[in-house]
C-alpha atoms as a PDB file:
ATOM      1  CA  MET A   1     -36.896   8.347  34.948  1.00  0.00           C
ATOM      2  CA  PRO A   2     -39.427   6.282  32.900  1.00  0.00           C
ATOM      3  CA  ILE A   3     -38.384   3.562  30.721  1.00  0.00           C
ATOM      4  CA  ALA A   4     -39.849   5.297  27.642  1.00  0.00           C
ATOM      5  CA  PHE A   5     -36.994   7.593  27.829  1.00  0.00           C
ATOM      6  CA  ALA A   6     -34.319   4.812  27.508  1.00  0.00           C
ATOM      7  CA  TYR A   7     -36.477   3.317  24.536  1.00  0.00           C
ATOM      8  CA  THR A   8     -36.366   6.672  22.955  1.00  0.00           C
ATOM      9  CA  LEU A   9     -32.731   7.114  23.304  1.00  0.00           C
ATOM     10  CA  ILE A  10     -32.058   3.672  21.875  1.00  0.00           C
ATOM     11  CA  VAL A  11     -34.205   4.277  18.743  1.00  0.00           C
ATOM     12  CA  LEU A  12     -32.511   7.601  18.217  1.00  0.00           C
ATOM     13  CA  LEU A  13     -29.099   6.064  18.690  1.00  0.00           C
ATOM     14  CA  ILE A  14     -29.894   3.391  16.186  1.00  0.00           C
ATOM     15  CA  ILE A  15     -31.325   5.940  13.668  1.00  0.00           C
ATOM     16  CA  THR A  16     -28.359   8.354  14.142  1.00  0.00           C
ATOM     17  CA  SER A  17     -25.740   5.465  13.680  1.00  0.00           C
ATOM     18  CA  ILE A  18     -27.279   4.450  10.435  1.00  0.00           C
ATOM     19  CA  ILE A  19     -27.402   7.969   9.208  1.00  0.00           C
ATOM     20  CA  LEU A  20     -23.810   8.811  10.452  1.00  0.00           C
ATOM     21  CA  THR A  21     -22.498   5.552   8.704  1.00  0.00           C
ATOM     22  CA  LEU A  22     -24.255   6.907   5.448  1.00  0.00           C
ATOM     23  CA  LEU A  23     -22.810  10.423   5.614  1.00  0.00           C
ATOM     24  CA  ILE A  24     -19.250   9.223   6.404  1.00  0.00           C
ATOM     25  CA  LEU A  25     -19.635   7.031   3.396  1.00  0.00           C
ATOM     26  CA  LEU A  26     -20.640  10.061   1.252  1.00  0.00           C
ATOM     27  CA  HIS A  27     -17.391  11.937   1.837  1.00  0.00           C
ATOM     28  CA  ARG A  28     -14.808  12.094  -0.842  1.00  0.00           C
ATOM     29  CA  GLY A  29     -11.551  10.343  -0.170  1.00  0.00           C
ATOM     30  CA  LYS A  30      -8.758  12.708   0.297  1.00  0.00           C
ATOM     31  CA  GLY A  31      -5.742  10.594   0.360  1.00  0.00           C
ATOM     32  CA  GLY A  32      -4.033   7.300  -0.487  1.00  0.00           C
ATOM     33  CA  GLY A  33      -6.268   5.187   1.726  1.00  0.00           C
ATOM     34  CA  MET A  34      -8.503   2.251   1.357  1.00  0.00           C
ATOM     35  CA  SER A  35     -10.602   4.097  -1.148  1.00  0.00           C
ATOM     36  CA  SER A  36      -7.637   4.652  -3.629  1.00  0.00           C
ATOM     37  CA  MET A  37      -6.734   0.884  -3.357  1.00  0.00           C
ATOM     38  CA  PHE A  38     -10.184   0.130  -4.927  1.00  0.00           C
ATOM     39  CA  GLY A  39     -10.346   2.632  -7.660  1.00  0.00           C
ATOM     40  CA  GLY A  40     -11.634   5.557  -5.584  1.00  0.00           C
ATOM     41  CA  GLY A  41      -8.452   7.674  -6.275  1.00  0.00           C
ATOM     42  CA  VAL A  42      -9.941   8.517  -9.868  1.00  0.00           C
ATOM     43  CA  SER A  43     -11.075  12.061  -9.585  1.00  0.00           C
ATOM     44  CA  SER A  44     -14.660  12.644 -10.677  1.00  0.00           C
ATOM     45  CA  SER A  45     -17.025  15.518 -10.411  1.00  0.00           C
ATOM     46  CA  LEU A  46     -19.829  13.638  -8.751  1.00  0.00           C
ATOM     47  CA  ALA A  47     -19.422  15.283  -5.407  1.00  0.00           C
ATOM     48  CA  GLY A  48     -20.343  18.560  -6.802  1.00  0.00           C
ATOM     49  CA  SER A  49     -18.938  21.776  -5.531  1.00  0.00           C
ATOM     50  CA  SER A  50     -17.202  22.596  -2.251  1.00  0.00           C
ATOM     51  CA  VAL A  51     -20.566  24.029  -1.094  1.00  0.00           C
ATOM     52  CA  ALA A  52     -22.015  20.520  -1.021  1.00  0.00           C
ATOM     53  CA  GLU A  53     -19.032  19.366   0.577  1.00  0.00           C
ATOM     54  CA  LYS A  54     -19.075  21.872   3.431  1.00  0.00           C
ATOM     55  CA  ASN A  55     -22.813  21.300   3.997  1.00  0.00           C
ATOM     56  CA  LEU A  56     -22.072  17.249   4.122  1.00  0.00           C
ATOM     57  CA  ASP A  57     -19.481  18.099   6.694  1.00  0.00           C
ATOM     58  CA  ARG A  58     -21.803  20.213   8.693  1.00  0.00           C
ATOM     59  CA  TYR A  59     -24.415  17.606   8.749  1.00  0.00           C
ATOM     60  CA  THR A  60     -21.798  14.831   9.579  1.00  0.00           C
ATOM     61  CA  VAL A  61     -20.846  17.025  12.760  1.00  0.00           C
ATOM     62  CA  LEU A  62     -24.477  17.596  13.772  1.00  0.00           C
ATOM     63  CA  VAL A  63     -25.463  13.792  13.544  1.00  0.00           C
ATOM     64  CA  SER A  64     -22.401  12.876  15.570  1.00  0.00           C
ATOM     65  CA  VAL A  65     -23.347  15.464  18.201  1.00  0.00           C
ATOM     66  CA  ILE A  66     -26.738  13.894  18.503  1.00  0.00           C
ATOM     67  CA  TRP A  67     -25.345  10.535  18.491  1.00  0.00           C
ATOM     68  CA  PHE A  68     -22.818  11.286  21.151  1.00  0.00           C
ATOM     69  CA  ALA A  69     -25.426  12.891  23.232  1.00  0.00           C
ATOM     70  CA  CYS A  70     -27.659   9.738  22.948  1.00  0.00           C
ATOM     71  CA  ILE A  71     -24.640   7.657  24.234  1.00  0.00           C
ATOM     72  CA  ILE A  72     -24.149  10.097  27.207  1.00  0.00           C
ATOM     73  CA  GLY A  73     -27.879  10.300  27.978  1.00  0.00           C
ATOM     74  CA  LEU A  74     -28.337   6.596  27.935  1.00  0.00           C
ATOM     75  CA  GLY A  75     -25.300   6.182  30.096  1.00  0.00           C
ATOM     76  CA  LEU A  76     -26.614   8.533  32.744  1.00  0.00           C
ATOM     77  CA  TRP A  77     -29.978   6.843  32.493  1.00  0.00           C
ATOM     78  CA  LEU A  78     -28.437   3.121  33.140  1.00  0.00           C
ATOM     79  CA  LYS A  79     -26.242   4.743  36.084  1.00  0.00           C
ATOM     80  CA  GLN A  80     -29.471   6.182  37.648  1.00  0.00           C
ATOM     81  CA  ALA A  81     -31.687   3.007  36.792  1.00  0.00           C
ATOM     82  CA  ILE A  82     -29.045   0.350  38.100  1.00  0.00           C
ATOM     83  CA  PRO A  83     -27.887   1.356  41.624  1.00  0.00           C
ATOM     84  CA  SER A  84     -24.443   0.441  42.418  1.00  0.00           C
ATOM     85  CA  ALA A  85     -23.415  -2.407  44.918  1.00  0.00           C
ATOM     86  CA  SER A  86     -21.126  -0.527  46.970  1.00  0.00           C
END
């Protein structure tokens, strides 16, 4: 496979990593974890309705599937590009 495939996967991996991080940070805290330690336990209506939360969940799952596919694709490409010694 051409090297451009690997570069495309790496760029896509970096972009999806950044987007996935932002999407995870947008989720509302639902417990007594780190978010409630720093004042995140105060309930507010900034997150909107439950439809917005469901859409955020869907986007997070979609981006994480793309991220995982990039990891698998890059691993398979590296396995094929670098022959084993044995």
